[in-house]
Amino acid sequence: MKPKKDSSFNSYARYSGIGIQMFAIIGIGSFIGVKLDERNGGDGNLWTIILALTSTIIAVVFVIRRIIANSKDDN
């Protein structure tokens, strides 16, 4: 029974790490967008929107790839 608890703990640790990485990717992309909008001036938030959406797509692709890789390792 002990290995089952260890494997579930490893699973939780693995997926919480993926969530933290996803949060970091989106946060960094949005931060860069805000800084570009501040530097370029103007009233719009074009760079923030573009980079936030792009980083979200990148983060989702990253998560899907990690989950597929982890499921292959488990089998």
N, C-alpha and C. Protein backbone atom coordinates (compact mmCIF):
# COMPACT_ATOMS: atom_id res chain seq x y z
N MET A 1 0.82 -1.20 0.00
CA MET A 1 0.00 0.00 0.00
C MET A 1 0.86 1.26 0.00
N LYS A 2 2.02 1.17 0.57
CA LYS A 2 2.87 2.34 0.66
C LYS A 2 3.27 2.92 -0.71
N PRO A 3 3.64 2.11 -1.70
CA PRO A 3 4.00 2.69 -3.00
C PRO A 3 2.86 3.45 -3.66
N LYS A 4 1.62 3.04 -3.39
CA LYS A 4 0.48 3.74 -3.99
C LYS A 4 0.39 5.17 -3.45
N LYS A 5 0.64 5.36 -2.15
CA LYS A 5 0.62 6.71 -1.58
C LYS A 5 1.76 7.54 -2.13
N ASP A 6 2.93 6.93 -2.28
CA ASP A 6 4.07 7.66 -2.84
C ASP A 6 3.81 8.08 -4.28
N SER A 7 3.20 7.19 -5.05
CA SER A 7 2.94 7.53 -6.44
C SER A 7 1.88 8.62 -6.55
N SER A 8 0.90 8.63 -5.65
CA SER A 8 -0.10 9.69 -5.69
C SER A 8 0.52 11.02 -5.26
N PHE A 9 1.44 10.97 -4.29
CA PHE A 9 2.13 12.19 -3.89
C PHE A 9 2.98 12.72 -5.03
N ASN A 10 3.68 11.82 -5.72
CA ASN A 10 4.49 12.23 -6.86
C ASN A 10 3.62 12.84 -7.96
N SER A 11 2.43 12.28 -8.14
CA SER A 11 1.51 12.81 -9.14
C SER A 11 1.07 14.22 -8.77
N TYR A 12 0.73 14.43 -7.49
CA TYR A 12 0.32 15.77 -7.05
C TYR A 12 1.47 16.76 -7.21
N ALA A 13 2.66 16.35 -6.84
CA ALA A 13 3.82 17.24 -6.95
C ALA A 13 4.10 17.58 -8.41
N ARG A 14 3.98 16.58 -9.27
CA ARG A 14 4.23 16.79 -10.70
C ARG A 14 3.25 17.80 -11.29
N TYR A 15 1.98 17.61 -11.00
CA TYR A 15 0.97 18.48 -11.60
C TYR A 15 0.90 19.85 -10.95
N SER A 16 1.25 19.96 -9.68
CA SER A 16 1.30 21.30 -9.09
C SER A 16 2.47 22.08 -9.67
N GLY A 17 3.56 21.40 -9.96
CA GLY A 17 4.70 22.04 -10.61
C GLY A 17 4.34 22.54 -12.00
N ILE A 18 3.55 21.77 -12.71
CA ILE A 18 3.10 22.18 -14.04
C ILE A 18 2.23 23.44 -13.93
N GLY A 19 1.37 23.49 -12.93
CA GLY A 19 0.53 24.67 -12.73
C GLY A 19 1.33 25.91 -12.41
N ILE A 20 2.36 25.75 -11.60
CA ILE A 20 3.22 26.88 -11.26
C ILE A 20 3.97 27.37 -12.50
N GLN A 21 4.44 26.44 -13.34
CA GLN A 21 5.12 26.84 -14.56
C GLN A 21 4.18 27.55 -15.52
N MET A 22 2.94 27.08 -15.58
CA MET A 22 1.95 27.72 -16.45
C MET A 22 1.68 29.15 -15.96
N PHE A 23 1.53 29.32 -14.66
CA PHE A 23 1.32 30.64 -14.08
C PHE A 23 2.50 31.56 -14.38
N ALA A 24 3.71 31.04 -14.29
CA ALA A 24 4.91 31.85 -14.54
C ALA A 24 5.00 32.27 -16.01
N ILE A 25 4.70 31.35 -16.93
CA ILE A 25 4.77 31.68 -18.36
C ILE A 25 3.78 32.79 -18.69
N ILE A 26 2.55 32.66 -18.21
CA ILE A 26 1.53 33.68 -18.50
C ILE A 26 1.89 35.00 -17.82
N GLY A 27 2.37 34.93 -16.60
CA GLY A 27 2.75 36.14 -15.88
C GLY A 27 3.88 36.90 -16.54
N ILE A 28 4.91 36.18 -16.98
CA ILE A 28 6.04 36.83 -17.64
C ILE A 28 5.61 37.44 -18.97
N GLY A 29 4.80 36.72 -19.74
CA GLY A 29 4.32 37.27 -21.01
C GLY A 29 3.49 38.52 -20.82
N SER A 30 2.61 38.50 -19.83
CA SER A 30 1.77 39.67 -19.56
C SER A 30 2.61 40.85 -19.06
N PHE A 31 3.59 40.56 -18.21
CA PHE A 31 4.45 41.61 -17.68
C PHE A 31 5.23 42.29 -18.80
N ILE A 32 5.78 41.50 -19.71
CA ILE A 32 6.51 42.07 -20.84
C ILE A 32 5.58 42.92 -21.70
N GLY A 33 4.34 42.46 -21.90
CA GLY A 33 3.37 43.24 -22.66
C GLY A 33 3.06 44.57 -22.01
N VAL A 34 2.90 44.58 -20.69
CA VAL A 34 2.63 45.83 -19.97
C VAL A 34 3.82 46.78 -20.12
N LYS A 35 5.02 46.25 -19.97
CA LYS A 35 6.21 47.10 -20.08
C LYS A 35 6.37 47.66 -21.50
N LEU A 36 6.06 46.85 -22.51
CA LEU A 36 6.13 47.36 -23.88
C LEU A 36 5.09 48.45 -24.12
N ASP A 37 3.89 48.28 -23.57
CA ASP A 37 2.86 49.31 -23.71
C ASP A 37 3.27 50.59 -23.00
N GLU A 38 3.91 50.47 -21.83
CA GLU A 38 4.37 51.66 -21.12
C GLU A 38 5.46 52.37 -21.91
N ARG A 39 6.37 51.61 -22.49
CA ARG A 39 7.48 52.20 -23.23
C ARG A 39 7.03 52.87 -24.52
N ASN A 40 6.05 52.27 -25.20
CA ASN A 40 5.59 52.83 -26.47
C ASN A 40 4.58 53.96 -26.28
N GLY A 41 4.07 54.11 -25.10
CA GLY A 41 3.10 55.17 -24.86
C GLY A 41 1.77 54.82 -25.50
N GLY A 42 0.93 55.78 -25.68
CA GLY A 42 -0.37 55.52 -26.29
C GLY A 42 -1.39 55.06 -25.26
N ASP A 43 -2.62 55.01 -25.69
CA ASP A 43 -3.70 54.68 -24.77
C ASP A 43 -4.05 53.19 -24.79
N GLY A 44 -3.63 52.48 -25.82
CA GLY A 44 -4.04 51.10 -25.98
C GLY A 44 -3.18 50.11 -25.20
N ASN A 45 -3.71 48.94 -25.07
CA ASN A 45 -2.99 47.85 -24.41
C ASN A 45 -2.72 46.73 -25.40
N LEU A 46 -2.33 47.09 -26.60
CA LEU A 46 -2.18 46.12 -27.67
C LEU A 46 -1.14 45.05 -27.33
N TRP A 47 0.05 45.46 -26.88
CA TRP A 47 1.09 44.48 -26.57
C TRP A 47 0.71 43.60 -25.41
N THR A 48 0.04 44.16 -24.43
CA THR A 48 -0.39 43.36 -23.29
C THR A 48 -1.36 42.27 -23.73
N ILE A 49 -2.31 42.63 -24.57
CA ILE A 49 -3.29 41.66 -25.05
C ILE A 49 -2.61 40.59 -25.91
N ILE A 50 -1.77 41.02 -26.84
CA ILE A 50 -1.10 40.07 -27.74
C ILE A 50 -0.21 39.11 -26.95
N LEU A 51 0.61 39.63 -26.08
CA LEU A 51 1.55 38.78 -25.35
C LEU A 51 0.85 37.93 -24.28
N ALA A 52 -0.23 38.43 -23.69
CA ALA A 52 -0.97 37.62 -22.73
C ALA A 52 -1.63 36.43 -23.43
N LEU A 53 -2.23 36.67 -24.59
CA LEU A 53 -2.85 35.57 -25.33
C LEU A 53 -1.81 34.59 -25.87
N THR A 54 -0.71 35.12 -26.38
CA THR A 54 0.35 34.26 -26.89
C THR A 54 0.96 33.40 -25.78
N SER A 55 1.23 34.00 -24.64
CA SER A 55 1.82 33.24 -23.54
C SER A 55 0.82 32.22 -22.99
N THR A 56 -0.47 32.53 -23.03
CA THR A 56 -1.47 31.56 -22.59
C THR A 56 -1.49 30.35 -23.52
N ILE A 57 -1.42 30.60 -24.81
CA ILE A 57 -1.39 29.49 -25.78
C ILE A 57 -0.13 28.66 -25.58
N ILE A 58 1.00 29.31 -25.40
CA ILE A 58 2.26 28.60 -25.16
C ILE A 58 2.17 27.76 -23.89
N ALA A 59 1.58 28.33 -22.83
CA ALA A 59 1.46 27.60 -21.57
C ALA A 59 0.56 26.39 -21.70
N VAL A 60 -0.55 26.52 -22.43
CA VAL A 60 -1.46 25.39 -22.62
C VAL A 60 -0.79 24.29 -23.42
N VAL A 61 -0.06 24.66 -24.48
CA VAL A 61 0.67 23.67 -25.27
C VAL A 61 1.71 22.97 -24.40
N PHE A 62 2.41 23.74 -23.58
CA PHE A 62 3.40 23.18 -22.67
C PHE A 62 2.76 22.18 -21.71
N VAL A 63 1.62 22.53 -21.14
CA VAL A 63 0.94 21.65 -20.19
C VAL A 63 0.48 20.36 -20.88
N ILE A 64 -0.08 20.49 -22.06
CA ILE A 64 -0.54 19.30 -22.79
C ILE A 64 0.64 18.38 -23.10
N ARG A 65 1.75 18.93 -23.52
CA ARG A 65 2.92 18.11 -23.82
C ARG A 65 3.46 17.43 -22.57
N ARG A 66 3.48 18.14 -21.46
CA ARG A 66 3.96 17.54 -20.20
C ARG A 66 3.04 16.43 -19.73
N ILE A 67 1.74 16.63 -19.84
CA ILE A 67 0.78 15.60 -19.41
C ILE A 67 0.91 14.36 -20.29
N ILE A 68 1.07 14.54 -21.59
CA ILE A 68 1.25 13.40 -22.48
C ILE A 68 2.55 12.67 -22.14
N ALA A 69 3.62 13.41 -21.91
CA ALA A 69 4.90 12.78 -21.56
C ALA A 69 4.80 12.04 -20.22
N ASN A 70 4.12 12.63 -19.25
CA ASN A 70 3.96 11.99 -17.95
C ASN A 70 3.11 10.73 -18.05
N SER A 71 2.08 10.75 -18.88
CA SER A 71 1.25 9.57 -19.02
C SER A 71 2.01 8.44 -19.72
N LYS A 72 2.92 8.78 -20.64
CA LYS A 72 3.75 7.76 -21.28
C LYS A 72 4.74 7.17 -20.27
N ASP A 73 5.26 8.01 -19.37
CA ASP A 73 6.20 7.52 -18.35
C ASP A 73 5.51 6.59 -17.36
N ASP A 74 4.23 6.86 -17.06
CA ASP A 74 3.49 6.04 -16.11
C ASP A 74 3.17 4.66 -16.67
N ASN A 75 3.04 4.58 -18.00
CA ASN A 75 2.73 3.28 -18.61
C ASN A 75 3.98 2.52 -18.82
